[in-house]
Amino acid sequence: YTEWEPQTGVPLRSEIRWVANGQPGSETTLQRVILHELGHALGPQRHSSEIRHVMATTNIVDRPTADEVKLLRILYHLPLRQDLSLLVAD
């Protein structure tokens, strides 16, 4: 839903509510779903059976692993020798 400023029509507040498996979804879970789907959009990334991978259907991480980033770098012909500390999960 969205609240609007009556005179100008400017949005004052917007809120999105979503459900995952019949349960209210959290912001953290939504971010993980978005990151997972972005992995599909960026290339031929298939689902992983490792829950510590972003591409797992039931992932438990907020960042991709070094291997997942390396795969994207190979797909997009990007240099492999760069600092990944801000991007990669611990």
PDB file of N, CA and C in Angstrom:
ATOM      1  N   TYR A   1       0.832  -1.176   0.000  1.00  0.00           N
ATOM      2  CA  TYR A   1       0.000   0.000   0.000  1.00  0.00           C
ATOM      3  C   TYR A   1       0.872   1.233   0.000  1.00  0.00           C
ATOM      4  N   THR A   2       0.301   2.352  -0.363  1.00  0.00           N
ATOM      5  CA  THR A   2       1.042   3.609  -0.417  1.00  0.00           C
ATOM      6  C   THR A   2       0.188   4.716   0.175  1.00  0.00           C
ATOM      7  N   GLU A   3       0.821   5.573   0.948  1.00  0.00           N
ATOM      8  CA  GLU A   3       0.151   6.776   1.444  1.00  0.00           C
ATOM      9  C   GLU A   3       0.603   7.944   0.585  1.00  0.00           C
ATOM     10  N   TRP A   4      -0.352   8.777   0.182  1.00  0.00           N
ATOM     11  CA  TRP A   4      -0.067   9.901  -0.701  1.00  0.00           C
ATOM     12  C   TRP A   4      -0.346  11.213   0.002  1.00  0.00           C
ATOM     13  N   GLU A   5       0.399  12.243  -0.350  1.00  0.00           N
ATOM     14  CA  GLU A   5       0.132  13.603   0.114  1.00  0.00           C
ATOM     15  C   GLU A   5      -1.098  14.090  -0.654  1.00  0.00           C
ATOM     16  N   PRO A   6      -2.200  14.418   0.039  1.00  0.00           N
ATOM     17  CA  PRO A   6      -3.465  14.713  -0.641  1.00  0.00           C
ATOM     18  C   PRO A   6      -3.397  15.837  -1.679  1.00  0.00           C
ATOM     19  N   GLN A   7      -2.703  16.922  -1.398  1.00  0.00           N
ATOM     20  CA  GLN A   7      -2.702  18.055  -2.328  1.00  0.00           C
ATOM     21  C   GLN A   7      -1.810  17.831  -3.552  1.00  0.00           C
ATOM     22  N   THR A   8      -0.683  17.173  -3.359  1.00  0.00           N
ATOM     23  CA  THR A   8       0.280  17.047  -4.452  1.00  0.00           C
ATOM     24  C   THR A   8       0.312  15.651  -5.087  1.00  0.00           C
ATOM     25  N   GLY A   9      -0.183  14.664  -4.375  1.00  0.00           N
ATOM     26  CA  GLY A   9      -0.111  13.299  -4.885  1.00  0.00           C
ATOM     27  C   GLY A   9       1.257  12.669  -4.743  1.00  0.00           C
ATOM     28  N   VAL A  10       2.146  13.309  -3.998  1.00  0.00           N
ATOM     29  CA  VAL A  10       3.494  12.792  -3.778  1.00  0.00           C
ATOM     30  C   VAL A  10       3.423  11.627  -2.785  1.00  0.00           C
ATOM     31  N   PRO A  11       4.046  10.496  -3.110  1.00  0.00           N
ATOM     32  CA  PRO A  11       4.019   9.374  -2.163  1.00  0.00           C
ATOM     33  C   PRO A  11       4.750   9.738  -0.876  1.00  0.00           C
ATOM     34  N   LEU A  12       4.106   9.466   0.252  1.00  0.00           N
ATOM     35  CA  LEU A  12       4.727   9.721   1.547  1.00  0.00           C
ATOM     36  C   LEU A  12       5.340   8.447   2.121  1.00  0.00           C
ATOM     37  N   ARG A  13       4.714   7.338   1.826  1.00  0.00           N
ATOM     38  CA  ARG A  13       5.201   6.082   2.374  1.00  0.00           C
ATOM     39  C   ARG A  13       4.676   4.936   1.514  1.00  0.00           C
ATOM     40  N   SER A  14       5.538   4.011   1.223  1.00  0.00           N
ATOM     41  CA  SER A  14       5.129   2.809   0.490  1.00  0.00           C
ATOM     42  C   SER A  14       5.592   1.597   1.267  1.00  0.00           C
ATOM     43  N   GLU A  15       4.803   0.567   1.226  1.00  0.00           N
ATOM     44  CA  GLU A  15       5.159  -0.663   1.926  1.00  0.00           C
ATOM     45  C   GLU A  15       4.744  -1.838   1.059  1.00  0.00           C
ATOM     46  N   ILE A  16       5.638  -2.785   0.929  1.00  0.00           N
ATOM     47  CA  ILE A  16       5.356  -4.008   0.177  1.00  0.00           C
ATOM     48  C   ILE A  16       5.355  -5.159   1.165  1.00  0.00           C
ATOM     49  N   ARG A  17       4.309  -5.932   1.126  1.00  0.00           N
ATOM     50  CA  ARG A  17       4.245  -7.137   1.957  1.00  0.00           C
ATOM     51  C   ARG A  17       4.234  -8.333   1.028  1.00  0.00           C
ATOM     52  N   TRP A  18       4.975  -9.361   1.394  1.00  0.00           N
ATOM     53  CA  TRP A  18       5.031 -10.540   0.551  1.00  0.00           C
ATOM     54  C   TRP A  18       4.994 -11.794   1.402  1.00  0.00           C
ATOM     55  N   VAL A  19       4.659 -12.890   0.775  1.00  0.00           N
ATOM     56  CA  VAL A  19       4.495 -14.168   1.462  1.00  0.00           C
ATOM     57  C   VAL A  19       5.388 -15.199   0.795  1.00  0.00           C
ATOM     58  N   ALA A  20       6.069 -15.993   1.610  1.00  0.00           N
ATOM     59  CA  ALA A  20       6.909 -17.081   1.104  1.00  0.00           C
ATOM     60  C   ALA A  20       6.482 -18.370   1.780  1.00  0.00           C
ATOM     61  N   ASN A  21       6.086 -19.348   1.006  1.00  0.00           N
ATOM     62  CA  ASN A  21       5.620 -20.639   1.537  1.00  0.00           C
ATOM     63  C   ASN A  21       4.508 -20.468   2.570  1.00  0.00           C
ATOM     64  N   GLY A  22       3.624 -19.530   2.319  1.00  0.00           N
ATOM     65  CA  GLY A  22       2.486 -19.319   3.211  1.00  0.00           C
ATOM     66  C   GLY A  22       2.798 -18.521   4.457  1.00  0.00           C
ATOM     67  N   GLN A  23       4.038 -18.074   4.604  1.00  0.00           N
ATOM     68  CA  GLN A  23       4.449 -17.309   5.777  1.00  0.00           C
ATOM     69  C   GLN A  23       4.857 -15.898   5.353  1.00  0.00           C
ATOM     70  N   PRO A  24       4.605 -14.904   6.223  1.00  0.00           N
ATOM     71  CA  PRO A  24       5.070 -13.550   5.878  1.00  0.00           C
ATOM     72  C   PRO A  24       6.571 -13.541   5.657  1.00  0.00           C
ATOM     73  N   GLY A  25       7.013 -12.951   4.575  1.00  0.00           N
ATOM     74  CA  GLY A  25       8.433 -12.901   4.250  1.00  0.00           C
ATOM     75  C   GLY A  25       9.114 -11.735   4.949  1.00  0.00           C
ATOM     76  N   SER A  26      10.353 -11.943   5.355  1.00  0.00           N
ATOM     77  CA  SER A  26      11.131 -10.891   6.011  1.00  0.00           C
ATOM     78  C   SER A  26      11.920 -10.113   4.965  1.00  0.00           C
ATOM     79  N   GLU A  27      12.435  -8.966   5.357  1.00  0.00           N
ATOM     80  CA  GLU A  27      13.261  -8.171   4.454  1.00  0.00           C
ATOM     81  C   GLU A  27      14.524  -8.939   4.070  1.00  0.00           C
ATOM     82  N   THR A  28      15.112  -9.639   5.039  1.00  0.00           N
ATOM     83  CA  THR A  28      16.326 -10.417   4.773  1.00  0.00           C
ATOM     84  C   THR A  28      16.048 -11.507   3.743  1.00  0.00           C
ATOM     85  N   THR A  29      14.941 -12.213   3.906  1.00  0.00           N
ATOM     86  CA  THR A  29      14.608 -13.271   2.968  1.00  0.00           C
ATOM     87  C   THR A  29      14.332 -12.708   1.585  1.00  0.00           C
ATOM     88  N   LEU A  30      13.664 -11.570   1.518  1.00  0.00           N
ATOM     89  CA  LEU A  30      13.394 -10.936   0.226  1.00  0.00           C
ATOM     90  C   LEU A  30      14.701 -10.567  -0.473  1.00  0.00           C
ATOM     91  N   GLN A  31      15.669 -10.043   0.278  1.00  0.00           N
ATOM     92  CA  GLN A  31      16.964  -9.698  -0.314  1.00  0.00           C
ATOM     93  C   GLN A  31      17.651 -10.943  -0.859  1.00  0.00           C
ATOM     94  N   ARG A  32      17.530 -12.062  -0.144  1.00  0.00           N
ATOM     95  CA  ARG A  32      18.150 -13.309  -0.618  1.00  0.00           C
ATOM     96  C   ARG A  32      17.476 -13.812  -1.884  1.00  0.00           C
ATOM     97  N   VAL A  33      16.159 -13.684  -1.958  1.00  0.00           N
ATOM     98  CA  VAL A  33      15.428 -14.102  -3.157  1.00  0.00           C
ATOM     99  C   VAL A  33      15.847 -13.238  -4.347  1.00  0.00           C
ATOM    100  N   ILE A  34      15.930 -11.941  -4.129  1.00  0.00           N
ATOM    101  CA  ILE A  34      16.325 -11.028  -5.209  1.00  0.00           C
ATOM    102  C   ILE A  34      17.736 -11.354  -5.691  1.00  0.00           C
ATOM    103  N   LEU A  35      18.665 -11.583  -4.763  1.00  0.00           N
ATOM    104  CA  LEU A  35      20.041 -11.920  -5.141  1.00  0.00           C
ATOM    105  C   LEU A  35      20.083 -13.230  -5.923  1.00  0.00           C
ATOM    106  N   HIS A  36      19.307 -14.207  -5.494  1.00  0.00           N
ATOM    107  CA  HIS A  36      19.238 -15.498  -6.172  1.00  0.00           C
ATOM    108  C   HIS A  36      18.720 -15.313  -7.604  1.00  0.00           C
ATOM    109  N   GLU A  37      17.632 -14.571  -7.752  1.00  0.00           N
ATOM    110  CA  GLU A  37      17.054 -14.366  -9.079  1.00  0.00           C
ATOM    111  C   GLU A  37      17.985 -13.533  -9.967  1.00  0.00           C
ATOM    112  N   LEU A  38      18.729 -12.616  -9.371  1.00  0.00           N
ATOM    113  CA  LEU A  38      19.720 -11.856 -10.124  1.00  0.00           C
ATOM    114  C   LEU A  38      20.791 -12.794 -10.671  1.00  0.00           C
ATOM    115  N   GLY A  39      21.145 -13.813  -9.900  1.00  0.00           N
ATOM    116  CA  GLY A  39      22.103 -14.822 -10.377  1.00  0.00           C
ATOM    117  C   GLY A  39      21.608 -15.499 -11.648  1.00  0.00           C
ATOM    118  N   HIS A  40      20.300 -15.800 -11.694  1.00  0.00           N
ATOM    119  CA  HIS A  40      19.734 -16.385 -12.910  1.00  0.00           C
ATOM    120  C   HIS A  40      19.801 -15.386 -14.065  1.00  0.00           C
ATOM    121  N   ALA A  41      19.511 -14.132 -13.779  1.00  0.00           N
ATOM    122  CA  ALA A  41      19.471 -13.106 -14.826  1.00  0.00           C
ATOM    123  C   ALA A  41      20.856 -12.820 -15.397  1.00  0.00           C
ATOM    124  N   LEU A  42      21.896 -12.974 -14.583  1.00  0.00           N
ATOM    125  CA  LEU A  42      23.252 -12.633 -15.032  1.00  0.00           C
ATOM    126  C   LEU A  42      23.889 -13.701 -15.902  1.00  0.00           C
ATOM    127  N   GLY A  43      23.341 -14.886 -15.896  1.00  0.00           N
ATOM    128  CA  GLY A  43      23.962 -15.914 -16.707  1.00  0.00           C
ATOM    129  C   GLY A  43      23.314 -17.257 -16.489  1.00  0.00           C
ATOM    130  N   PRO A  44      23.893 -18.277 -17.086  1.00  0.00           N
ATOM    131  CA  PRO A  44      23.313 -19.620 -16.979  1.00  0.00           C
ATOM    132  C   PRO A  44      23.607 -20.259 -15.622  1.00  0.00           C
ATOM    133  N   GLN A  45      23.229 -19.556 -14.590  1.00  0.00           N
ATOM    134  CA  GLN A  45      23.462 -20.081 -13.244  1.00  0.00           C
ATOM    135  C   GLN A  45      22.338 -21.050 -12.888  1.00  0.00           C
ATOM    136  N   ARG A  46      22.693 -22.244 -12.537  1.00  0.00           N
ATOM    137  CA  ARG A  46      21.706 -23.248 -12.140  1.00  0.00           C
ATOM    138  C   ARG A  46      21.631 -23.308 -10.629  1.00  0.00           C
ATOM    139  N   HIS A  47      20.620 -23.989 -10.142  1.00  0.00           N
ATOM    140  CA  HIS A  47      20.486 -24.127  -8.698  1.00  0.00           C
ATOM    141  C   HIS A  47      21.615 -24.972  -8.131  1.00  0.00           C
ATOM    142  N   SER A  48      22.041 -24.611  -6.941  1.00  0.00           N
ATOM    143  CA  SER A  48      23.104 -25.323  -6.237  1.00  0.00           C
ATOM    144  C   SER A  48      22.480 -26.117  -5.095  1.00  0.00           C
ATOM    145  N   SER A  49      23.097 -27.222  -4.738  1.00  0.00           N
ATOM    146  CA  SER A  49      22.621 -28.006  -3.592  1.00  0.00           C
ATOM    147  C   SER A  49      23.301 -27.559  -2.299  1.00  0.00           C
ATOM    148  N   GLU A  50      24.256 -26.650  -2.407  1.00  0.00           N
ATOM    149  CA  GLU A  50      24.993 -26.134  -1.240  1.00  0.00           C
ATOM    150  C   GLU A  50      24.264 -24.905  -0.697  1.00  0.00           C
ATOM    151  N   ILE A  51      23.717 -24.987   0.524  1.00  0.00           N
ATOM    152  CA  ILE A  51      22.909 -23.888   1.066  1.00  0.00           C
ATOM    153  C   ILE A  51      23.718 -22.622   1.320  1.00  0.00           C
ATOM    154  N   ARG A  52      25.038 -22.721   1.291  1.00  0.00           N
ATOM    155  CA  ARG A  52      25.860 -21.526   1.462  1.00  0.00           C
ATOM    156  C   ARG A  52      26.137 -20.817   0.133  1.00  0.00           C
ATOM    157  N   HIS A  53      25.536 -21.293  -0.936  1.00  0.00           N
ATOM    158  CA  HIS A  53      25.601 -20.626  -2.237  1.00  0.00           C
ATOM    159  C   HIS A  53      24.352 -19.786  -2.426  1.00  0.00           C
ATOM    160  N   VAL A  54      24.515 -18.615  -3.015  1.00  0.00           N
ATOM    161  CA  VAL A  54      23.374 -17.761  -3.346  1.00  0.00           C
ATOM    162  C   VAL A  54      22.402 -18.510  -4.252  1.00  0.00           C
ATOM    163  N   MET A  55      22.928 -19.372  -5.111  1.00  0.00           N
ATOM    164  CA  MET A  55      22.097 -20.051  -6.089  1.00  0.00           C
ATOM    165  C   MET A  55      21.393 -21.301  -5.548  1.00  0.00           C
ATOM    166  N   ALA A  56      21.491 -21.566  -4.263  1.00  0.00           N
ATOM    167  CA  ALA A  56      20.697 -22.636  -3.651  1.00  0.00           C
ATOM    168  C   ALA A  56      19.260 -22.155  -3.501  1.00  0.00           C
ATOM    169  N   THR A  57      18.310 -23.060  -3.686  1.00  0.00           N
ATOM    170  CA  THR A  57      16.909 -22.652  -3.566  1.00  0.00           C
ATOM    171  C   THR A  57      16.541 -22.311  -2.131  1.00  0.00           C
ATOM    172  N   THR A  58      17.302 -22.804  -1.184  1.00  0.00           N
ATOM    173  CA  THR A  58      17.077 -22.478   0.231  1.00  0.00           C
ATOM    174  C   THR A  58      18.353 -21.889   0.822  1.00  0.00           C
ATOM    175  N   ASN A  59      18.901 -20.871   0.159  1.00  0.00           N
ATOM    176  CA  ASN A  59      20.181 -20.307   0.604  1.00  0.00           C
ATOM    177  C   ASN A  59      20.039 -19.614   1.963  1.00  0.00           C
ATOM    178  N   ILE A  60      21.167 -19.543   2.662  1.00  0.00           N
ATOM    179  CA  ILE A  60      21.197 -18.917   3.986  1.00  0.00           C
ATOM    180  C   ILE A  60      22.239 -17.804   4.042  1.00  0.00           C
ATOM    181  N   VAL A  61      22.616 -17.285   2.880  1.00  0.00           N
ATOM    182  CA  VAL A  61      23.677 -16.277   2.817  1.00  0.00           C
ATOM    183  C   VAL A  61      23.165 -14.993   2.171  1.00  0.00           C
ATOM    184  N   ASP A  62      23.854 -13.909   2.470  1.00  0.00           N
ATOM    185  CA  ASP A  62      23.499 -12.605   1.925  1.00  0.00           C
ATOM    186  C   ASP A  62      24.424 -12.161   0.795  1.00  0.00           C
ATOM    187  N   ARG A  63      25.482 -12.938   0.558  1.00  0.00           N
ATOM    188  CA  ARG A  63      26.463 -12.586  -0.471  1.00  0.00           C
ATOM    189  C   ARG A  63      26.897 -13.845  -1.193  1.00  0.00           C
ATOM    190  N   PRO A  64      27.322 -13.704  -2.453  1.00  0.00           N
ATOM    191  CA  PRO A  64      27.793 -14.880  -3.193  1.00  0.00           C
ATOM    192  C   PRO A  64      29.133 -15.378  -2.666  1.00  0.00           C
ATOM    193  N   THR A  65      29.403 -16.645  -2.917  1.00  0.00           N
ATOM    194  CA  THR A  65      30.705 -17.204  -2.557  1.00  0.00           C
ATOM    195  C   THR A  65      31.734 -16.760  -3.592  1.00  0.00           C
ATOM    196  N   ALA A  66      32.999 -16.964  -3.265  1.00  0.00           N
ATOM    197  CA  ALA A  66      34.076 -16.616  -4.207  1.00  0.00           C
ATOM    198  C   ALA A  66      33.932 -17.413  -5.503  1.00  0.00           C
ATOM    199  N   ASP A  67      33.511 -18.682  -5.399  1.00  0.00           N
ATOM    200  CA  ASP A  67      33.327 -19.498  -6.598  1.00  0.00           C
ATOM    201  C   ASP A  67      32.218 -18.952  -7.496  1.00  0.00           C
ATOM    202  N   GLU A  68      31.141 -18.464  -6.885  1.00  0.00           N
ATOM    203  CA  GLU A  68      30.036 -17.909  -7.679  1.00  0.00           C
ATOM    204  C   GLU A  68      30.471 -16.629  -8.391  1.00  0.00           C
ATOM    205  N   VAL A  69      31.228 -15.805  -7.706  1.00  0.00           N
ATOM    206  CA  VAL A  69      31.731 -14.576  -8.324  1.00  0.00           C
ATOM    207  C   VAL A  69      32.725 -14.924  -9.422  1.00  0.00           C
ATOM    208  N   LYS A  70      33.563 -15.917  -9.175  1.00  0.00           N
ATOM    209  CA  LYS A  70      34.540 -16.339 -10.187  1.00  0.00           C
ATOM    210  C   LYS A  70      33.826 -16.813 -11.453  1.00  0.00           C
ATOM    211  N   LEU A  71      32.747 -17.559 -11.303  1.00  0.00           N
ATOM    212  CA  LEU A  71      31.995 -18.018 -12.466  1.00  0.00           C
ATOM    213  C   LEU A  71      31.458 -16.838 -13.279  1.00  0.00           C
ATOM    214  N   LEU A  72      30.923 -15.832 -12.598  1.00  0.00           N
ATOM    215  CA  LEU A  72      30.425 -14.656 -13.308  1.00  0.00           C
ATOM    216  C   LEU A  72      31.557 -13.901 -13.995  1.00  0.00           C
ATOM    217  N   ARG A  73      32.716 -13.821 -13.328  1.00  0.00           N
ATOM    218  CA  ARG A  73      33.861 -13.149 -13.949  1.00  0.00           C
ATOM    219  C   ARG A  73      34.292 -13.884 -15.216  1.00  0.00           C
ATOM    220  N   ILE A  74      34.259 -15.210 -15.187  1.00  0.00           N
ATOM    221  CA  ILE A  74      34.615 -15.994 -16.374  1.00  0.00           C
ATOM    222  C   ILE A  74      33.575 -15.772 -17.475  1.00  0.00           C
ATOM    223  N   LEU A  75      32.298 -15.812 -17.103  1.00  0.00           N
ATOM    224  CA  LEU A  75      31.229 -15.626 -18.088  1.00  0.00           C
ATOM    225  C   LEU A  75      31.306 -14.272 -18.787  1.00  0.00           C
ATOM    226  N   TYR A  76      31.675 -13.249 -18.026  1.00  0.00           N
ATOM    227  CA  TYR A  76      31.711 -11.892 -18.566  1.00  0.00           C
ATOM    228  C   TYR A  76      33.122 -11.430 -18.926  1.00  0.00           C
ATOM    229  N   HIS A  77      34.078 -12.363 -18.930  1.00  0.00           N
ATOM    230  CA  HIS A  77      35.460 -12.064 -19.318  1.00  0.00           C
ATOM    231  C   HIS A  77      36.045 -10.912 -18.496  1.00  0.00           C
ATOM    232  N   LEU A  78      35.837 -10.968 -17.192  1.00  0.00           N
ATOM    233  CA  LEU A  78      36.374  -9.950 -16.292  1.00  0.00           C
ATOM    234  C   LEU A  78      37.637 -10.475 -15.619  1.00  0.00           C
ATOM    235  N   PRO A  79      38.535  -9.592 -15.205  1.00  0.00           N
ATOM    236  CA  PRO A  79      39.762 -10.044 -14.532  1.00  0.00           C
ATOM    237  C   PRO A  79      39.428 -10.843 -13.271  1.00  0.00           C
ATOM    238  N   LEU A  80      40.185 -11.901 -13.042  1.00  0.00           N
ATOM    239  CA  LEU A  80      39.945 -12.748 -11.873  1.00  0.00           C
ATOM    240  C   LEU A  80      40.725 -12.281 -10.654  1.00  0.00           C
ATOM    241  N   ARG A  81      41.713 -11.441 -10.845  1.00  0.00           N
ATOM    242  CA  ARG A  81      42.573 -11.017  -9.730  1.00  0.00           C
ATOM    243  C   ARG A  81      42.181  -9.631  -9.245  1.00  0.00           C
ATOM    244  N   GLN A  82      41.107  -9.572  -8.486  1.00  0.00           N
ATOM    245  CA  GLN A  82      40.678  -8.324  -7.863  1.00  0.00           C
ATOM    246  C   GLN A  82      40.209  -8.634  -6.458  1.00  0.00           C
ATOM    247  N   ASP A  83      40.261  -7.643  -5.591  1.00  0.00           N
ATOM    248  CA  ASP A  83      39.818  -7.816  -4.212  1.00  0.00           C
ATOM    249  C   ASP A  83      38.312  -8.020  -4.194  1.00  0.00           C
ATOM    250  N   LEU A  84      37.874  -9.127  -3.624  1.00  0.00           N
ATOM    251  CA  LEU A  84      36.449  -9.455  -3.575  1.00  0.00           C
ATOM    252  C   LEU A  84      35.884  -9.324  -2.161  1.00  0.00           C
ATOM    253  N   SER A  85      36.644  -8.794  -1.236  1.00  0.00           N
ATOM    254  CA  SER A  85      36.242  -8.817   0.171  1.00  0.00           C
ATOM    255  C   SER A  85      34.894  -8.137   0.441  1.00  0.00           C
ATOM    256  N   LEU A  86      34.544  -7.103  -0.301  1.00  0.00           N
ATOM    257  CA  LEU A  86      33.270  -6.428  -0.078  1.00  0.00           C
ATOM    258  C   LEU A  86      32.095  -7.175  -0.702  1.00  0.00           C
ATOM    259  N   LEU A  87      32.377  -7.987  -1.687  1.00  0.00           N
ATOM    260  CA  LEU A  87      31.329  -8.656  -2.437  1.00  0.00           C
ATOM    261  C   LEU A  87      31.052 -10.073  -1.952  1.00  0.00           C
ATOM    262  N   VAL A  88      32.074 -10.762  -1.498  1.00  0.00           N
ATOM    263  CA  VAL A  88      31.980 -12.194  -1.212  1.00  0.00           C
ATOM    264  C   VAL A  88      31.626 -12.443   0.252  1.00  0.00           C
ATOM    265  N   ALA A  89      30.835 -13.510   0.462  1.00  0.00           N
ATOM    266  CA  ALA A  89      30.475 -13.923   1.814  1.00  0.00           C
ATOM    267  C   ALA A  89      31.707 -14.421   2.551  1.00  0.00           C
ATOM    268  N   ASP A  90      31.705 -14.264   3.874  1.00  0.00           N
ATOM    269  CA  ASP A  90      32.826 -14.736   4.701  1.00  0.00           C
ATOM    270  C   ASP A  90      32.843 -16.242   4.798  1.00  0.00           C
TER     271      ASP A  90
END
